[in-house]
């Protein structure tokens, strides 16, 4: 395929990506103690790979029927069709039409079963499979079936152990690009997800979603010892460990015990010399988030 055609196909494909992201629902939230530790950021996906694969990877592999029809038949040449709102250029008129729906919010394709609407017809077709249960792509290793071939290929990495995405900061590898992006925020300190009610920021959308429940949920579970209230019984149960003497997580190297498994894992990194917390200003690394925050006051001028 001509290089310009490939570029145009990629552009239209990216417009479709925005639609397909609506097809999958968010995972049910669960309580975590440190939203910003590597264990929660990274890596929730590791523990849920068998049931929910990274959307972005899948979407890059999807090609709409309309895209093949409209753009591959255009005369190869300069990009002559531009978006009047942002100036982005396309090889074919259909590409501009797809793109402009991102500005207008137009979603002309509606599911007859649930009423959900989509910008692209192919996104609707994929969504409808969630109602029909149709899954044509089967893993020969475990028999699990998937809606698209792209998701199947991602799933198969569980069996092969393939981890093609490598962190440029610490050489850690991941099966999915979304996992890598979430992990790299540990090094950069980036927190792009901000609560519009209190301004608190998070490294990933999931952490923000869990946090936002604290603003909206009724807190009907009270701690008898300190009076703190929680929205769920499981949250209260975890909180009660703070008041107890129980520290079930033991470091086998030095004998120190911890209430939380995450704290033990962070502690063990100090024994191994692993430093995953990097300053986004000077790239110096530290063994704990606390050490990093103390260091960053050098750049900000803030008194610790």
C-alpha atoms as a PDB file:
ATOM      1  CA  UNK A   1       0.000   0.000   0.000  1.00  0.00           C
ATOM      2  CA  UNK A   2       1.205   3.476  -0.816  1.00  0.00           C
ATOM      3  CA  UNK A   3       2.724   5.271   2.204  1.00  0.00           C
ATOM      4  CA  UNK A   4       0.261   8.173   2.011  1.00  0.00           C
ATOM      5  CA  UNK A   5      -2.654   5.757   1.871  1.00  0.00           C
ATOM      6  CA  UNK A   6      -1.274   4.017   4.943  1.00  0.00           C
ATOM      7  CA  UNK A   7      -1.012   7.331   6.746  1.00  0.00           C
ATOM      8  CA  UNK A   8      -4.589   8.210   5.820  1.00  0.00           C
ATOM      9  CA  UNK A   9      -5.858   4.793   6.922  1.00  0.00           C
ATOM     10  CA  UNK A  10      -4.132   5.287  10.238  1.00  0.00           C
ATOM     11  CA  UNK A  11      -5.763   8.688  10.639  1.00  0.00           C
ATOM     12  CA  UNK A  12      -9.259   7.362   9.990  1.00  0.00           C
ATOM     13  CA  UNK A  13      -8.495   4.404  12.223  1.00  0.00           C
ATOM     14  CA  UNK A  14      -7.670   6.751  15.090  1.00  0.00           C
ATOM     15  CA  UNK A  15     -11.076   8.425  14.669  1.00  0.00           C
ATOM     16  CA  UNK A  16     -12.669   5.010  15.096  1.00  0.00           C
ATOM     17  CA  UNK A  17     -10.624   4.408  18.231  1.00  0.00           C
ATOM     18  CA  UNK A  18     -12.509   7.113  20.087  1.00  0.00           C
ATOM     19  CA  UNK A  19     -15.788   5.331  19.381  1.00  0.00           C
ATOM     20  CA  UNK A  20     -14.684   1.866  20.323  1.00  0.00           C
ATOM     21  CA  UNK A  21     -13.415   3.043  23.694  1.00  0.00           C
ATOM     22  CA  UNK A  22     -17.076   3.453  24.631  1.00  0.00           C
ATOM     23  CA  UNK A  23     -17.826  -0.211  24.027  1.00  0.00           C
ATOM     24  CA  UNK A  24     -16.048  -1.549  27.103  1.00  0.00           C
ATOM     25  CA  UNK A  25     -17.249  -0.642  30.557  1.00  0.00           C
ATOM     26  CA  UNK A  26     -14.927   0.315  33.384  1.00  0.00           C
ATOM     27  CA  UNK A  27     -13.933  -2.418  35.851  1.00  0.00           C
ATOM     28  CA  UNK A  28     -15.646  -2.425  39.200  1.00  0.00           C
ATOM     29  CA  UNK A  29     -13.633  -0.249  41.581  1.00  0.00           C
ATOM     30  CA  UNK A  30     -11.905  -1.680  44.609  1.00  0.00           C
ATOM     31  CA  UNK A  31     -10.203  -0.037  47.533  1.00  0.00           C
ATOM     32  CA  UNK A  32      -6.463   0.547  47.442  1.00  0.00           C
ATOM     33  CA  UNK A  33      -4.263   2.093  50.064  1.00  0.00           C
ATOM     34  CA  UNK A  34      -1.692   3.831  47.862  1.00  0.00           C
ATOM     35  CA  UNK A  35      -3.130   4.863  44.517  1.00  0.00           C
ATOM     36  CA  UNK A  36       0.252   5.997  43.308  1.00  0.00           C
ATOM     37  CA  UNK A  37       2.453   3.016  44.121  1.00  0.00           C
ATOM     38  CA  UNK A  38       3.621   0.749  41.324  1.00  0.00           C
ATOM     39  CA  UNK A  39       1.575  -2.102  42.721  1.00  0.00           C
ATOM     40  CA  UNK A  40      -1.679  -0.243  42.098  1.00  0.00           C
ATOM     41  CA  UNK A  41      -0.732   1.687  38.976  1.00  0.00           C
ATOM     42  CA  UNK A  42       0.747  -1.174  37.064  1.00  0.00           C
ATOM     43  CA  UNK A  43      -0.427  -3.023  38.002  1.00  0.00           C
ATOM     44  CA  UNK A  44      -3.825  -3.836  38.211  1.00  0.00           C
ATOM     45  CA  UNK A  45      -3.743  -4.869  34.579  1.00  0.00           C
ATOM     46  CA  UNK A  46      -1.325  -7.711  35.334  1.00  0.00           C
ATOM     47  CA  UNK A  47      -3.853  -9.354  37.641  1.00  0.00           C
ATOM     48  CA  UNK A  48      -6.779  -8.830  35.284  1.00  0.00           C
ATOM     49  CA  UNK A  49      -5.178  -9.668  31.928  1.00  0.00           C
ATOM     50  CA  UNK A  50      -7.160 -12.850  31.593  1.00  0.00           C
ATOM     51  CA  UNK A  51     -10.484 -11.001  31.639  1.00  0.00           C
ATOM     52  CA  UNK A  52      -9.834  -7.483  30.373  1.00  0.00           C
ATOM     53  CA  UNK A  53      -7.195  -6.530  27.798  1.00  0.00           C
ATOM     54  CA  UNK A  54      -5.839  -3.094  27.022  1.00  0.00           C
ATOM     55  CA  UNK A  55      -8.229  -1.178  24.762  1.00  0.00           C
ATOM     56  CA  UNK A  56      -5.727   0.980  22.933  1.00  0.00           C
ATOM     57  CA  UNK A  57      -3.766  -1.970  21.597  1.00  0.00           C
ATOM     58  CA  UNK A  58      -6.895  -3.582  20.303  1.00  0.00           C
ATOM     59  CA  UNK A  59      -8.227  -0.478  18.640  1.00  0.00           C
ATOM     60  CA  UNK A  60      -5.083   0.122  16.590  1.00  0.00           C
ATOM     61  CA  UNK A  61      -5.755  -3.190  14.854  1.00  0.00           C
ATOM     62  CA  UNK A  62      -9.336  -2.441  13.844  1.00  0.00           C
ATOM     63  CA  UNK A  63     -10.033  -1.218  10.320  1.00  0.00           C
ATOM     64  CA  UNK A  64     -13.504  -0.038   9.317  1.00  0.00           C
ATOM     65  CA  UNK A  65     -15.261  -1.199   6.179  1.00  0.00           C
ATOM     66  CA  UNK A  66     -16.001   2.389   5.185  1.00  0.00           C
ATOM     67  CA  UNK A  67     -12.332   3.299   5.475  1.00  0.00           C
ATOM     68  CA  UNK A  68     -11.329   0.654   2.944  1.00  0.00           C
ATOM     69  CA  UNK A  69     -14.040   1.715   0.537  1.00  0.00           C
ATOM     70  CA  UNK A  70     -13.581   5.459   0.646  1.00  0.00           C
ATOM     71  CA  UNK A  71      -9.883   6.124   1.059  1.00  0.00           C
ATOM     72  CA  UNK A  72      -8.201   3.288  -0.804  1.00  0.00           C
ATOM     73  CA  UNK A  73      -9.974   4.338  -3.992  1.00  0.00           C
ATOM     74  CA  UNK A  74      -8.770   7.948  -3.849  1.00  0.00           C
ATOM     75  CA  UNK A  75      -6.124   9.218  -6.237  1.00  0.00           C
ATOM     76  CA  UNK A  76      -2.732   9.051  -4.617  1.00  0.00           C
ATOM     77  CA  UNK A  77      -1.329  12.511  -4.066  1.00  0.00           C
ATOM     78  CA  UNK A  78      -1.240  15.425  -1.690  1.00  0.00           C
ATOM     79  CA  UNK A  79      -3.667  15.711   1.173  1.00  0.00           C
ATOM     80  CA  UNK A  80      -6.339  18.024  -0.194  1.00  0.00           C
ATOM     81  CA  UNK A  81      -9.150  17.721   2.340  1.00  0.00           C
ATOM     82  CA  UNK A  82      -8.811  19.722   5.570  1.00  0.00           C
ATOM     83  CA  UNK A  83     -10.894  20.017   8.714  1.00  0.00           C
ATOM     84  CA  UNK A  84     -12.312  23.574   8.844  1.00  0.00           C
ATOM     85  CA  UNK A  85     -12.153  23.570  12.654  1.00  0.00           C
ATOM     86  CA  UNK A  86      -8.618  22.390  13.408  1.00  0.00           C
ATOM     87  CA  UNK A  87      -6.894  22.287  10.018  1.00  0.00           C
ATOM     88  CA  UNK A  88      -6.025  18.592  10.086  1.00  0.00           C
ATOM     89  CA  UNK A  89      -5.561  17.256   6.535  1.00  0.00           C
ATOM     90  CA  UNK A  90      -6.791  14.050   4.919  1.00  0.00           C
ATOM     91  CA  UNK A  91      -6.367  12.301   1.587  1.00  0.00           C
ATOM     92  CA  UNK A  92     -10.079  11.697   1.126  1.00  0.00           C
ATOM     93  CA  UNK A  93     -13.314  13.485   1.890  1.00  0.00           C
ATOM     94  CA  UNK A  94     -14.631  10.559   3.911  1.00  0.00           C
ATOM     95  CA  UNK A  95     -11.675  10.896   6.248  1.00  0.00           C
ATOM     96  CA  UNK A  96     -12.604  14.516   6.971  1.00  0.00           C
ATOM     97  CA  UNK A  97     -16.219  13.503   7.567  1.00  0.00           C
ATOM     98  CA  UNK A  98     -15.192  10.872  10.121  1.00  0.00           C
ATOM     99  CA  UNK A  99     -12.850  13.308  11.824  1.00  0.00           C
ATOM    100  CA  UNK A 100     -15.369  16.157  12.062  1.00  0.00           C
ATOM    101  CA  UNK A 101     -17.678  14.000  14.143  1.00  0.00           C
ATOM    102  CA  UNK A 102     -15.125  14.297  16.936  1.00  0.00           C
ATOM    103  CA  UNK A 103     -15.803  18.050  16.994  1.00  0.00           C
ATOM    104  CA  UNK A 104     -19.588  17.916  16.579  1.00  0.00           C
ATOM    105  CA  UNK A 105     -20.205  15.022  18.934  1.00  0.00           C
ATOM    106  CA  UNK A 106     -22.462  13.477  16.284  1.00  0.00           C
ATOM    107  CA  UNK A 107     -23.225   9.802  16.912  1.00  0.00           C
ATOM    108  CA  UNK A 108     -25.608   8.651  14.177  1.00  0.00           C
ATOM    109  CA  UNK A 109     -25.372   4.901  14.805  1.00  0.00           C
ATOM    110  CA  UNK A 110     -27.613   3.737  17.654  1.00  0.00           C
ATOM    111  CA  UNK A 111     -27.942   0.303  19.235  1.00  0.00           C
ATOM    112  CA  UNK A 112     -31.543  -0.957  19.053  1.00  0.00           C
ATOM    113  CA  UNK A 113     -31.067  -3.010  22.229  1.00  0.00           C
ATOM    114  CA  UNK A 114     -29.764  -0.436  24.703  1.00  0.00           C
ATOM    115  CA  UNK A 115     -29.928   2.928  22.929  1.00  0.00           C
ATOM    116  CA  UNK A 116     -26.197   3.609  23.082  1.00  0.00           C
ATOM    117  CA  UNK A 117     -24.890   5.650  20.133  1.00  0.00           C
ATOM    118  CA  UNK A 118     -21.608   5.617  18.217  1.00  0.00           C
ATOM    119  CA  UNK A 119     -19.818   7.761  15.654  1.00  0.00           C
ATOM    120  CA  UNK A 120     -18.865   4.843  13.414  1.00  0.00           C
ATOM    121  CA  UNK A 121     -20.945   1.973  12.065  1.00  0.00           C
ATOM    122  CA  UNK A 122     -18.210  -0.572  12.805  1.00  0.00           C
ATOM    123  CA  UNK A 123     -18.134   0.527  16.441  1.00  0.00           C
ATOM    124  CA  UNK A 124     -21.863  -0.167  16.636  1.00  0.00           C
ATOM    125  CA  UNK A 125     -21.382  -3.616  15.091  1.00  0.00           C
ATOM    126  CA  UNK A 126     -18.729  -4.501  17.660  1.00  0.00           C
ATOM    127  CA  UNK A 127     -20.912  -3.184  20.471  1.00  0.00           C
ATOM    128  CA  UNK A 128     -23.856  -5.307  19.324  1.00  0.00           C
ATOM    129  CA  UNK A 129     -21.749  -8.404  19.842  1.00  0.00           C
ATOM    130  CA  UNK A 130     -21.789  -7.647  23.574  1.00  0.00           C
ATOM    131  CA  UNK A 131     -25.554  -8.248  23.439  1.00  0.00           C
ATOM    132  CA  UNK A 132     -25.450 -11.302  21.195  1.00  0.00           C
ATOM    133  CA  UNK A 133     -22.501 -12.900  22.966  1.00  0.00           C
ATOM    134  CA  UNK A 134     -20.847 -13.520  19.611  1.00  0.00           C
ATOM    135  CA  UNK A 135     -17.139 -14.254  20.012  1.00  0.00           C
ATOM    136  CA  UNK A 136     -15.572 -15.686  16.875  1.00  0.00           C
ATOM    137  CA  UNK A 137     -11.891 -15.696  17.854  1.00  0.00           C
ATOM    138  CA  UNK A 138     -10.872 -18.603  20.114  1.00  0.00           C
ATOM    139  CA  UNK A 139      -7.591 -19.162  21.965  1.00  0.00           C
ATOM    140  CA  UNK A 140      -6.292 -22.647  21.207  1.00  0.00           C
ATOM    141  CA  UNK A 141      -4.347 -22.727  24.466  1.00  0.00           C
ATOM    142  CA  UNK A 142      -7.208 -22.192  26.904  1.00  0.00           C
ATOM    143  CA  UNK A 143     -10.393 -22.067  24.830  1.00  0.00           C
ATOM    144  CA  UNK A 144     -11.341 -18.532  25.782  1.00  0.00           C
ATOM    145  CA  UNK A 145     -13.154 -16.630  23.018  1.00  0.00           C
ATOM    146  CA  UNK A 146     -12.968 -12.950  22.018  1.00  0.00           C
ATOM    147  CA  UNK A 147     -14.908 -10.485  19.875  1.00  0.00           C
ATOM    148  CA  UNK A 148     -11.927  -9.463  17.717  1.00  0.00           C
ATOM    149  CA  UNK A 149      -8.712 -11.054  16.508  1.00  0.00           C
ATOM    150  CA  UNK A 150      -6.711  -8.163  17.962  1.00  0.00           C
ATOM    151  CA  UNK A 151      -7.948  -8.900  21.488  1.00  0.00           C
ATOM    152  CA  UNK A 152      -7.178 -12.581  21.012  1.00  0.00           C
ATOM    153  CA  UNK A 153      -3.599 -11.740  20.041  1.00  0.00           C
ATOM    154  CA  UNK A 154      -3.206  -9.625  23.173  1.00  0.00           C
ATOM    155  CA  UNK A 155      -4.631 -12.413  25.299  1.00  0.00           C
ATOM    156  CA  UNK A 156      -2.178 -14.932  23.856  1.00  0.00           C
ATOM    157  CA  UNK A 157       0.683 -12.982  25.416  1.00  0.00           C
ATOM    158  CA  UNK A 158      -0.481 -14.426  28.732  1.00  0.00           C
ATOM    159  CA  UNK A 159       0.478 -17.859  27.418  1.00  0.00           C
ATOM    160  CA  UNK A 160       3.633 -16.862  25.545  1.00  0.00           C
ATOM    161  CA  UNK A 161       4.965 -14.475  28.193  1.00  0.00           C
ATOM    162  CA  UNK A 162       5.771 -11.915  25.509  1.00  0.00           C
ATOM    163  CA  UNK A 163       6.445  -8.429  26.908  1.00  0.00           C
ATOM    164  CA  UNK A 164       7.285  -6.155  23.981  1.00  0.00           C
ATOM    165  CA  UNK A 165       6.974  -2.827  25.810  1.00  0.00           C
ATOM    166  CA  UNK A 166      10.083  -1.777  27.741  1.00  0.00           C
ATOM    167  CA  UNK A 167      10.400   1.122  30.189  1.00  0.00           C
ATOM    168  CA  UNK A 168      13.169   3.479  29.135  1.00  0.00           C
ATOM    169  CA  UNK A 169      13.789   4.444  32.768  1.00  0.00           C
ATOM    170  CA  UNK A 170      14.213   1.079  34.495  1.00  0.00           C
ATOM    171  CA  UNK A 171      14.109  -1.604  31.762  1.00  0.00           C
ATOM    172  CA  UNK A 172      10.971  -3.215  33.177  1.00  0.00           C
ATOM    173  CA  UNK A 173       8.856  -4.818  30.437  1.00  0.00           C
ATOM    174  CA  UNK A 174       5.096  -5.078  29.926  1.00  0.00           C
ATOM    175  CA  UNK A 175       2.650  -7.033  27.784  1.00  0.00           C
ATOM    176  CA  UNK A 176       0.563  -3.990  26.877  1.00  0.00           C
ATOM    177  CA  UNK A 177       1.362  -0.392  25.994  1.00  0.00           C
ATOM    178  CA  UNK A 178      -1.240   0.867  28.469  1.00  0.00           C
ATOM    179  CA  UNK A 179       0.615  -0.877  31.286  1.00  0.00           C
ATOM    180  CA  UNK A 180       3.863   0.759  30.212  1.00  0.00           C
ATOM    181  CA  UNK A 181       2.292   4.232  30.089  1.00  0.00           C
ATOM    182  CA  UNK A 182       0.823   3.811  33.563  1.00  0.00           C
ATOM    183  CA  UNK A 183       4.156   2.544  34.908  1.00  0.00           C
ATOM    184  CA  UNK A 184       6.149   5.405  33.387  1.00  0.00           C
ATOM    185  CA  UNK A 185       4.126   7.902  35.405  1.00  0.00           C
ATOM    186  CA  UNK A 186       5.955   6.555  38.456  1.00  0.00           C
ATOM    187  CA  UNK A 187       9.131   7.983  36.963  1.00  0.00           C
ATOM    188  CA  UNK A 188       7.702  11.213  35.560  1.00  0.00           C
ATOM    189  CA  UNK A 189       5.424  12.089  38.466  1.00  0.00           C
ATOM    190  CA  UNK A 190       2.657  12.895  35.957  1.00  0.00           C
ATOM    191  CA  UNK A 191      -0.879  12.915  37.380  1.00  0.00           C
ATOM    192  CA  UNK A 192      -3.178  13.802  34.478  1.00  0.00           C
ATOM    193  CA  UNK A 193      -6.485  12.846  36.106  1.00  0.00           C
ATOM    194  CA  UNK A 194      -7.849  15.590  38.364  1.00  0.00           C
ATOM    195  CA  UNK A 195     -10.947  15.593  40.559  1.00  0.00           C
ATOM    196  CA  UNK A 196     -13.159  18.523  39.565  1.00  0.00           C
ATOM    197  CA  UNK A 197     -14.579  18.724  43.086  1.00  0.00           C
ATOM    198  CA  UNK A 198     -11.449  18.944  45.227  1.00  0.00           C
ATOM    199  CA  UNK A 199      -8.548  19.280  42.784  1.00  0.00           C
ATOM    200  CA  UNK A 200      -6.739  16.112  43.846  1.00  0.00           C
ATOM    201  CA  UNK A 201      -4.806  14.479  40.984  1.00  0.00           C
ATOM    202  CA  UNK A 202      -4.119  10.855  40.130  1.00  0.00           C
ATOM    203  CA  UNK A 203      -1.785   8.931  37.865  1.00  0.00           C
ATOM    204  CA  UNK A 204      -4.586   6.954  36.222  1.00  0.00           C
ATOM    205  CA  UNK A 205      -8.300   7.284  35.538  1.00  0.00           C
ATOM    206  CA  UNK A 206      -9.091   4.330  37.755  1.00  0.00           C
ATOM    207  CA  UNK A 207      -7.636   6.041  40.836  1.00  0.00           C
ATOM    208  CA  UNK A 208      -9.720   9.132  40.103  1.00  0.00           C
ATOM    209  CA  UNK A 209     -12.867   7.034  39.710  1.00  0.00           C
ATOM    210  CA  UNK A 210     -12.348   5.383  43.092  1.00  0.00           C
ATOM    211  CA  UNK A 211     -11.621   8.756  44.687  1.00  0.00           C
ATOM    212  CA  UNK A 212     -14.721  10.418  43.252  1.00  0.00           C
ATOM    213  CA  UNK A 213     -16.890   7.914  45.051  1.00  0.00           C
ATOM    214  CA  UNK A 214     -15.762   9.530  48.291  1.00  0.00           C
ATOM    215  CA  UNK A 215     -17.649  12.649  47.221  1.00  0.00           C
ATOM    216  CA  UNK A 216     -20.840  10.915  46.127  1.00  0.00           C
ATOM    217  CA  UNK A 217     -21.281   7.741  48.165  1.00  0.00           C
ATOM    218  CA  UNK A 218     -23.094   7.567  51.464  1.00  0.00           C
ATOM    219  CA  UNK A 219     -20.671   6.555  54.189  1.00  0.00           C
ATOM    220  CA  UNK A 220     -22.630   4.136  56.339  1.00  0.00           C
ATOM    221  CA  UNK A 221     -19.748   2.163  57.899  1.00  0.00           C
ATOM    222  CA  UNK A 222     -18.205   3.764  60.983  1.00  0.00           C
ATOM    223  CA  UNK A 223     -15.022   2.854  62.814  1.00  0.00           C
ATOM    224  CA  UNK A 224     -15.836   2.303  66.501  1.00  0.00           C
ATOM    225  CA  UNK A 225     -12.332   3.330  67.534  1.00  0.00           C
ATOM    226  CA  UNK A 226     -11.797   6.630  65.727  1.00  0.00           C
ATOM    227  CA  UNK A 227     -15.155   7.490  64.207  1.00  0.00           C
ATOM    228  CA  UNK A 228     -13.919   7.581  60.616  1.00  0.00           C
ATOM    229  CA  UNK A 229     -16.625   6.734  58.094  1.00  0.00           C
ATOM    230  CA  UNK A 230     -16.449   4.576  54.990  1.00  0.00           C
ATOM    231  CA  UNK A 231     -18.672   3.909  51.993  1.00  0.00           C
ATOM    232  CA  UNK A 232     -18.115   0.146  52.034  1.00  0.00           C
ATOM    233  CA  UNK A 233     -17.643  -2.580  54.601  1.00  0.00           C
ATOM    234  CA  UNK A 234     -14.456  -3.730  52.860  1.00  0.00           C
ATOM    235  CA  UNK A 235     -12.953  -0.245  53.276  1.00  0.00           C
ATOM    236  CA  UNK A 236     -13.732  -0.292  56.996  1.00  0.00           C
ATOM    237  CA  UNK A 237     -12.237  -3.768  57.363  1.00  0.00           C
ATOM    238  CA  UNK A 238      -8.954  -2.606  55.839  1.00  0.00           C
ATOM    239  CA  UNK A 239      -8.954   0.529  57.966  1.00  0.00           C
ATOM    240  CA  UNK A 240      -9.360  -1.479  61.184  1.00  0.00           C
ATOM    241  CA  UNK A 241      -5.934  -3.038  60.597  1.00  0.00           C
ATOM    242  CA  UNK A 242      -4.433   0.337  61.492  1.00  0.00           C
ATOM    243  CA  UNK A 243      -5.848   0.049  65.024  1.00  0.00           C
ATOM    244  CA  UNK A 244      -4.885  -3.595  65.527  1.00  0.00           C
ATOM    245  CA  UNK A 245      -1.425  -4.866  66.390  1.00  0.00           C
ATOM    246  CA  UNK A 246      -1.568  -7.248  63.455  1.00  0.00           C
ATOM    247  CA  UNK A 247       1.239  -6.888  60.920  1.00  0.00           C
ATOM    248  CA  UNK A 248       1.014 -10.020  58.808  1.00  0.00           C
ATOM    249  CA  UNK A 249       3.460  -9.029  56.071  1.00  0.00           C
ATOM    250  CA  UNK A 250       6.991  -9.951  57.151  1.00  0.00           C
ATOM    251  CA  UNK A 251      10.259  -9.045  55.433  1.00  0.00           C
ATOM    252  CA  UNK A 252      12.316 -12.239  55.283  1.00  0.00           C
ATOM    253  CA  UNK A 253      15.559 -10.258  55.018  1.00  0.00           C
ATOM    254  CA  UNK A 254      15.360  -8.101  58.140  1.00  0.00           C
ATOM    255  CA  UNK A 255      12.294  -9.308  60.037  1.00  0.00           C
ATOM    256  CA  UNK A 256      10.375  -6.035  59.860  1.00  0.00           C
ATOM    257  CA  UNK A 257       6.596  -6.426  59.647  1.00  0.00           C
ATOM    258  CA  UNK A 258       3.988  -4.351  57.884  1.00  0.00           C
ATOM    259  CA  UNK A 259       0.226  -3.943  57.957  1.00  0.00           C
ATOM    260  CA  UNK A 260      -0.005  -3.572  54.211  1.00  0.00           C
ATOM    261  CA  UNK A 261       1.490  -5.771  51.500  1.00  0.00           C
ATOM    262  CA  UNK A 262       2.268  -2.689  49.412  1.00  0.00           C
ATOM    263  CA  UNK A 263       4.410  -1.301  52.237  1.00  0.00           C
ATOM    264  CA  UNK A 264       6.336  -4.575  52.406  1.00  0.00           C
ATOM    265  CA  UNK A 265       6.984  -4.520  48.667  1.00  0.00           C
ATOM    266  CA  UNK A 266       8.275  -0.957  48.803  1.00  0.00           C
ATOM    267  CA  UNK A 267      10.464  -1.876  51.785  1.00  0.00           C
ATOM    268  CA  UNK A 268      11.937  -4.870  49.956  1.00  0.00           C
ATOM    269  CA  UNK A 269      12.997  -2.639  47.078  1.00  0.00           C
ATOM    270  CA  UNK A 270      15.285  -0.824  49.478  1.00  0.00           C
ATOM    271  CA  UNK A 271      17.061  -4.110  50.201  1.00  0.00           C
ATOM    272  CA  UNK A 272      17.440  -4.849  46.492  1.00  0.00           C
ATOM    273  CA  UNK A 273      18.575  -1.346  45.628  1.00  0.00           C
ATOM    274  CA  UNK A 274      15.748  -0.802  43.135  1.00  0.00           C
ATOM    275  CA  UNK A 275      14.910   2.871  42.720  1.00  0.00           C
ATOM    276  CA  UNK A 276      11.700   3.404  40.788  1.00  0.00           C
ATOM    277  CA  UNK A 277      10.776   6.914  41.917  1.00  0.00           C
ATOM    278  CA  UNK A 278      12.342   9.434  39.536  1.00  0.00           C
ATOM    279  CA  UNK A 279      12.409  13.224  39.719  1.00  0.00           C
ATOM    280  CA  UNK A 280      10.796  14.722  36.620  1.00  0.00           C
ATOM    281  CA  UNK A 281      13.138  17.739  36.837  1.00  0.00           C
ATOM    282  CA  UNK A 282      16.566  16.134  37.094  1.00  0.00           C
ATOM    283  CA  UNK A 283      15.790  12.400  36.637  1.00  0.00           C
ATOM    284  CA  UNK A 284      17.456  11.456  39.918  1.00  0.00           C
ATOM    285  CA  UNK A 285      15.921   8.268  41.311  1.00  0.00           C
ATOM    286  CA  UNK A 286      14.880   7.275  44.836  1.00  0.00           C
ATOM    287  CA  UNK A 287      13.813   4.165  46.691  1.00  0.00           C
ATOM    288  CA  UNK A 288      10.537   5.594  47.996  1.00  0.00           C
ATOM    289  CA  UNK A 289       7.911   8.153  47.113  1.00  0.00           C
ATOM    290  CA  UNK A 290       8.623   9.959  50.396  1.00  0.00           C
ATOM    291  CA  UNK A 291      12.308  10.404  49.512  1.00  0.00           C
ATOM    292  CA  UNK A 292      11.335  11.689  46.066  1.00  0.00           C
ATOM    293  CA  UNK A 293       8.938  14.282  47.504  1.00  0.00           C
ATOM    294  CA  UNK A 294      11.610  15.506  49.922  1.00  0.00           C
ATOM    295  CA  UNK A 295      14.071  15.840  47.053  1.00  0.00           C
ATOM    296  CA  UNK A 296      11.617  17.745  44.835  1.00  0.00           C
ATOM    297  CA  UNK A 297      11.448  20.580  47.363  1.00  0.00           C
ATOM    298  CA  UNK A 298      14.937  21.500  46.101  1.00  0.00           C
ATOM    299  CA  UNK A 299      13.397  22.410  42.765  1.00  0.00           C
ATOM    300  CA  UNK A 300      10.158  23.933  44.035  1.00  0.00           C
ATOM    301  CA  UNK A 301      11.622  25.886  46.958  1.00  0.00           C
ATOM    302  CA  UNK A 302       8.908  24.446  49.174  1.00  0.00           C
ATOM    303  CA  UNK A 303       9.834  23.845  52.806  1.00  0.00           C
ATOM    304  CA  UNK A 304       9.521  20.142  53.714  1.00  0.00           C
END
